[in-house]
Protein backbone atom coordinates (compact mmCIF):
# COMPACT_ATOMS: atom_id res chain seq x y z
CA UNK A 1 0.37 -0.02 0.01
CA UNK A 2 1.49 3.36 -0.67
CA UNK A 3 0.04 5.98 1.73
CA UNK A 4 -0.97 9.54 0.38
CA UNK A 5 -1.17 12.30 2.37
CA UNK A 6 -2.97 16.03 2.32
CA UNK A 7 -2.16 19.57 3.05
CA UNK A 8 -3.62 21.10 6.16
CA UNK A 9 -5.48 23.45 5.13
CA UNK A 10 -7.06 25.99 7.97
CA UNK A 11 -6.07 26.30 12.03
CA UNK A 12 -9.08 24.05 12.32
CA UNK A 13 -8.12 21.26 10.64
CA UNK A 14 -6.71 19.16 13.09
CA UNK A 15 -5.41 15.38 12.39
CA UNK A 16 -8.21 14.04 14.50
CA UNK A 17 -10.11 12.36 11.24
CA UNK A 18 -13.37 13.44 12.25
CA UNK A 19 -12.67 16.95 12.09
CA UNK A 20 -11.23 16.85 8.94
CA UNK A 21 -13.83 16.00 6.76
CA UNK A 22 -16.36 17.93 9.21
CA UNK A 23 -14.26 20.36 7.09
CA UNK A 24 -14.80 18.44 3.62
CA UNK A 25 -18.58 17.52 4.00
CA UNK A 26 -19.49 21.64 4.55
CA UNK A 27 -18.87 22.79 1.39
CA UNK A 28 -21.03 21.17 -0.34
CA UNK A 29 -24.93 19.56 -0.32
CA UNK A 30 -26.21 16.08 -1.46
CA UNK A 31 -28.24 17.79 -4.19
CA UNK A 32 -27.41 15.01 -6.71
CA UNK A 33 -30.04 12.85 -8.19
CA UNK A 34 -30.34 9.58 -10.22
CA UNK A 35 -29.74 11.67 -12.86
CA UNK A 36 -26.51 12.40 -12.10
CA UNK A 37 -24.89 8.89 -10.23
CA UNK A 38 -26.58 7.18 -13.03
CA UNK A 39 -23.17 8.64 -14.82
CA UNK A 40 -20.92 6.54 -12.96
CA UNK A 41 -19.35 4.09 -15.32
CA UNK A 42 -20.27 1.47 -12.28
CA UNK A 43 -23.17 1.97 -11.94
CA UNK A 44 -24.45 -0.08 -13.67
CA UNK A 45 -23.29 -2.74 -11.96
CA UNK A 46 -24.75 -1.70 -8.79
CA UNK A 47 -28.26 -1.46 -10.14
CA UNK A 48 -27.75 -4.94 -11.67
CA UNK A 49 -26.54 -6.23 -8.03
CA UNK A 50 -29.96 -4.41 -6.79
CA UNK A 51 -32.14 -5.89 -8.59
CA UNK A 52 -30.50 -9.42 -8.72
CA UNK A 53 -30.11 -10.27 -5.09
CA UNK A 54 -33.14 -7.63 -3.97
CA UNK A 55 -31.80 -6.51 -0.47
CA UNK A 56 -33.88 -5.99 2.27
CA UNK A 57 -31.26 -4.50 4.24
CA UNK A 58 -29.22 -1.82 3.10
CA UNK A 59 -25.87 0.15 4.21
CA UNK A 60 -23.82 3.19 2.47
CA UNK A 61 -20.93 2.85 5.32
CA UNK A 62 -19.19 6.27 4.92
CA UNK A 63 -22.10 8.18 3.21
CA UNK A 64 -21.22 11.61 3.47
CA UNK A 65 -24.06 14.03 2.69
CA UNK A 66 -26.29 11.27 1.69
CA UNK A 67 -25.79 11.91 -2.34
CA UNK A 68 -26.22 7.81 -3.21
CA UNK A 69 -28.84 7.41 -0.58
CA UNK A 70 -31.25 10.63 -2.43
CA UNK A 71 -30.32 8.96 -6.02
CA UNK A 72 -30.83 5.22 -5.00
CA UNK A 73 -34.18 5.88 -2.88
CA UNK A 74 -35.35 7.27 -6.00
CA UNK A 75 -34.81 3.83 -7.32
CA UNK A 76 -37.50 3.08 -4.69
CA UNK A 77 -34.86 1.26 -2.42
CA UNK A 78 -34.23 2.73 0.61
CA UNK A 79 -30.53 2.64 2.09
CA UNK A 80 -29.62 3.41 5.78
CA UNK A 81 -26.28 5.55 6.18
CA UNK A 82 -23.83 5.99 8.70
CA UNK A 83 -21.00 8.00 8.62
CA UNK A 84 -18.41 9.52 12.02
CA UNK A 85 -19.17 13.37 10.49
CA UNK A 86 -22.37 15.19 12.24
CA UNK A 87 -21.85 17.79 9.67
CA UNK A 88 -22.68 15.44 7.24
CA UNK A 89 -25.18 13.37 8.35
CA UNK A 90 -26.79 17.20 9.13
CA UNK A 91 -26.28 17.81 5.61
CA UNK A 92 -27.81 14.12 4.51
CA UNK A 93 -30.75 14.86 7.02
CA UNK A 94 -32.39 17.63 5.34
CA UNK A 95 -31.72 16.89 1.08
CA UNK A 96 -33.22 12.96 1.91
CA UNK A 97 -36.63 11.84 2.20
CA UNK A 98 -37.13 10.00 5.67
CA UNK A 99 -33.42 8.43 6.16
CA UNK A 100 -32.51 6.04 8.60
CA UNK A 101 -28.66 7.50 9.10
CA UNK A 102 -26.78 7.19 12.66
CA UNK A 103 -23.24 8.63 13.72
CA UNK A 104 -20.70 6.03 14.47
CA UNK A 105 -16.66 5.13 13.65
CA UNK A 106 -16.54 2.75 11.22
CA UNK A 107 -14.35 0.27 12.83
CA UNK A 108 -17.58 0.52 15.65
CA UNK A 109 -20.32 -0.39 14.31
CA UNK A 110 -24.13 -0.28 16.67
CA UNK A 111 -25.52 -2.74 14.41
CA UNK A 112 -25.56 -6.52 15.47
CA UNK A 113 -23.77 -9.49 13.55
CA UNK A 114 -25.11 -10.44 10.10
CA UNK A 115 -27.74 -7.41 9.75
CA UNK A 116 -27.12 -6.31 6.67
CA UNK A 117 -27.94 -7.91 2.79
CA UNK A 118 -25.63 -5.32 1.22
CA UNK A 119 -22.99 -2.68 2.13
CA UNK A 120 -22.37 -0.05 -0.63
CA UNK A 121 -18.39 1.52 0.45
CA UNK A 122 -17.51 3.81 -2.21
CA UNK A 123 -13.70 5.42 -1.34
CA UNK A 124 -14.33 5.16 2.30
CA UNK A 125 -11.79 2.02 3.74
CA UNK A 126 -8.76 3.85 2.34
CA UNK A 127 -9.33 6.14 4.80
CA UNK A 128 -7.93 4.67 7.78
CA UNK A 129 -4.30 4.99 8.67
CA UNK A 130 -3.84 2.04 10.49
CA UNK A 131 -5.19 0.07 7.66
CA UNK A 132 -8.24 -0.89 5.70
CA UNK A 133 -8.13 -4.34 7.49
CA UNK A 134 -10.25 -2.90 10.39
CA UNK A 135 -12.77 -2.01 8.93
CA UNK A 136 -13.19 -4.28 6.13
CA UNK A 137 -13.67 -6.80 9.26
CA UNK A 138 -16.21 -4.51 11.07
CA UNK A 139 -18.39 -4.73 8.01
CA UNK A 140 -17.49 -8.36 7.49
CA UNK A 141 -19.02 -8.79 10.72
CA UNK A 142 -22.86 -7.07 10.49
CA UNK A 143 -22.85 -8.76 6.50
CA UNK A 144 -24.61 -11.78 6.60
CA UNK A 145 -23.20 -14.79 4.95
CA UNK A 146 -24.23 -14.47 1.40
CA UNK A 147 -24.67 -10.92 1.19
CA UNK A 148 -22.73 -8.29 -1.34
CA UNK A 149 -19.62 -5.83 0.01
CA UNK A 150 -20.03 -3.23 -3.26
CA UNK A 151 -17.01 -1.03 -2.90
CA UNK A 152 -13.86 0.83 -4.34
CA UNK A 153 -10.52 1.94 -3.14
CA UNK A 154 -7.53 4.18 -5.05
CA UNK A 155 -5.52 1.76 -7.49
CA UNK A 156 -2.06 1.84 -7.28
CA UNK A 157 -1.64 0.96 -11.08
CA UNK A 158 1.24 0.37 -12.89
CA UNK A 159 2.20 3.55 -14.06
CA UNK A 160 1.67 4.81 -10.41
CA UNK A 161 4.40 1.65 -9.57
CA UNK A 162 6.91 2.21 -11.51
CA UNK A 163 6.92 5.57 -13.53
CA UNK A 164 10.20 7.69 -12.15
CA UNK A 165 8.77 10.76 -13.10
CA UNK A 166 5.84 9.91 -11.12
CA UNK A 167 7.60 8.38 -7.82
CA UNK A 168 9.94 11.51 -8.50
CA UNK A 169 6.74 14.42 -7.81
CA UNK A 170 5.01 12.55 -5.32
CA UNK A 171 8.23 12.40 -3.27
CA UNK A 172 8.96 15.89 -3.24
CA UNK A 173 4.91 16.37 -3.17
CA UNK A 174 4.93 14.93 0.72
CA UNK A 175 8.82 14.90 2.06
CA UNK A 176 8.00 16.56 5.03
CA UNK A 177 11.72 18.52 4.96
CA UNK A 178 10.86 19.89 1.33
CA UNK A 179 7.58 21.12 2.39
CA UNK A 180 9.31 23.34 5.18
CA UNK A 181 11.94 24.58 2.98
CA UNK A 182 9.64 26.25 0.36
CA UNK A 183 6.96 27.06 3.14
CA UNK A 184 4.33 25.04 2.27
CA UNK A 185 1.76 23.68 4.33
CA UNK A 186 2.24 20.70 6.49
CA UNK A 187 0.01 17.39 5.73
CA UNK A 188 -1.84 14.85 7.10
CA UNK A 189 -2.87 11.05 6.49
CA UNK A 190 -5.73 11.23 3.14
CA UNK A 191 -5.71 7.44 2.07
CA UNK A 192 -4.10 4.36 0.98
CA UNK A 193 -3.44 3.19 -2.81
CA UNK A 194 -3.51 -0.47 -2.83
CA UNK A 195 -2.83 -2.89 -5.74
CA UNK A 196 -5.02 -5.85 -6.88
CA UNK A 197 -2.84 -8.28 -5.80
CA UNK A 198 -3.16 -6.29 -1.92
CA UNK A 199 -6.77 -6.04 -2.42
CA UNK A 200 -7.52 -9.25 -3.41
CA UNK A 201 -5.77 -11.07 -0.40
CA UNK A 202 -7.53 -8.21 2.26
CA UNK A 203 -10.99 -10.07 0.48
CA UNK A 204 -10.02 -13.55 1.10
CA UNK A 205 -8.20 -12.77 5.02
CA UNK A 206 -11.75 -10.70 6.24
CA UNK A 207 -14.29 -13.96 4.84
CA UNK A 208 -15.48 -12.70 1.24
CA UNK A 209 -15.08 -13.89 -2.39
CA UNK A 210 -14.09 -11.53 -4.95
CA UNK A 211 -17.24 -11.97 -7.72
CA UNK A 212 -16.23 -8.91 -9.61
CA UNK A 213 -13.14 -6.74 -10.24
CA UNK A 214 -12.33 -4.14 -12.53
CA UNK A 215 -10.39 -1.07 -12.60
CA UNK A 216 -12.50 2.56 -12.71
CA UNK A 217 -12.03 5.92 -13.81
CA UNK A 218 -9.17 5.10 -16.50
CA UNK A 219 -9.17 8.81 -17.59
CA UNK A 220 -9.26 10.71 -14.29
CA UNK A 221 -6.09 8.12 -13.09
CA UNK A 222 -4.28 9.58 -16.38
CA UNK A 223 -5.10 12.79 -15.74
CA UNK A 224 -4.07 12.47 -11.57
CA UNK A 225 -0.92 10.84 -12.50
CA UNK A 226 0.69 13.48 -14.67
CA UNK A 227 2.74 16.55 -12.74
CA UNK A 228 0.96 19.98 -13.06
CA UNK A 229 4.32 21.18 -15.10
CA UNK A 230 3.13 18.62 -17.88
CA UNK A 231 -0.20 20.27 -18.11
CA UNK A 232 0.93 23.36 -20.35
CA UNK A 233 1.15 24.82 -24.43
CA UNK A 234 1.77 21.29 -26.72
CA UNK A 235 1.85 18.81 -24.44
CA UNK A 236 -1.06 19.50 -22.79
CA UNK A 237 -2.95 19.16 -26.37
CA UNK A 238 -0.95 15.83 -26.88
CA UNK A 239 -2.03 14.43 -23.26
CA UNK A 240 -6.02 15.68 -24.10
CA UNK A 241 -5.50 13.78 -27.55
CA UNK A 242 -4.09 10.34 -25.43
CA UNK A 243 -6.49 11.02 -22.69
CA UNK A 244 -9.87 10.92 -25.06
CA UNK A 245 -8.23 7.76 -26.83
CA UNK A 246 -8.26 5.74 -23.29
CA UNK A 247 -11.37 6.83 -21.53
CA UNK A 248 -13.08 3.76 -23.43
CA UNK A 249 -10.18 1.22 -23.42
CA UNK A 250 -10.01 -1.37 -20.81
CA UNK A 251 -6.68 -1.92 -21.61
CA UNK A 252 -5.19 1.10 -20.55
CA UNK A 253 -7.33 0.35 -17.24
CA UNK A 254 -4.29 -1.44 -15.08
CA UNK A 255 -1.76 0.90 -16.16
CA UNK A 256 -3.66 4.02 -15.31
CA UNK A 257 -7.03 3.62 -13.44
CA UNK A 258 -7.51 6.47 -10.63
CA UNK A 259 -9.24 3.33 -8.57
CA UNK A 260 -10.80 -0.34 -8.57
CA UNK A 261 -13.71 -1.35 -8.21
CA UNK A 262 -14.10 -4.93 -6.08
CA UNK A 263 -17.80 -6.86 -5.40
CA UNK A 264 -17.72 -9.36 -2.94
CA UNK A 265 -19.53 -12.07 -1.04
CA UNK A 266 -19.27 -12.84 2.60
CA UNK A 267 -18.39 -16.55 2.75
């Protein structure tokens, strides 16, 4: 796994995770409809699974402002939501109709074992500095046998592993000494990037069988992995042409995808 840091932005942002995410979620609302979330490239898989398994008890673990709870609700499907940001949950309550929302640490969810049929986790388990295993095991505890776990997390893709330019840029960007020398803001932990092998091993250790796997956000990863100083002039034009060419090409997924989608079943 590769650790990714993010800059502290204000004096009120502490290293405590809850304060950080409160500051993040307080910037916007959950005014996102079904029409919007249908544009996500993995929405088709989610809709198909919900139609096939017809789960009665669904949880979005790390629901943030409730965008997905609201969007899926427009399909006539009720989704519970939990987050440890009180600000995010308040926004979700104001945006969603009759939601069942509760605040907790995802490493200790106040729900009995084998309760949910389906758990949705969209870019969440990578945000725990001690690693994702603890939170994933807790998700497995509250998911019934045969239940479905649908998640995506950042991919430590091939480019990020072997490209010396990207690795050097990330080292310089995240090195605390260099940041101090240039008067840049200090950083705190943000997330982990994980390889396919690491995620496969993690899922198996936590009691899941992987049903489906694929890289997602190929174009987004291509853009994210290119240092800002290469996004100018003719170089920018060439990169934009390449980006358009790879957006719909699955071949480039393991090389440039920003995230990977993993669908698991609890054994």
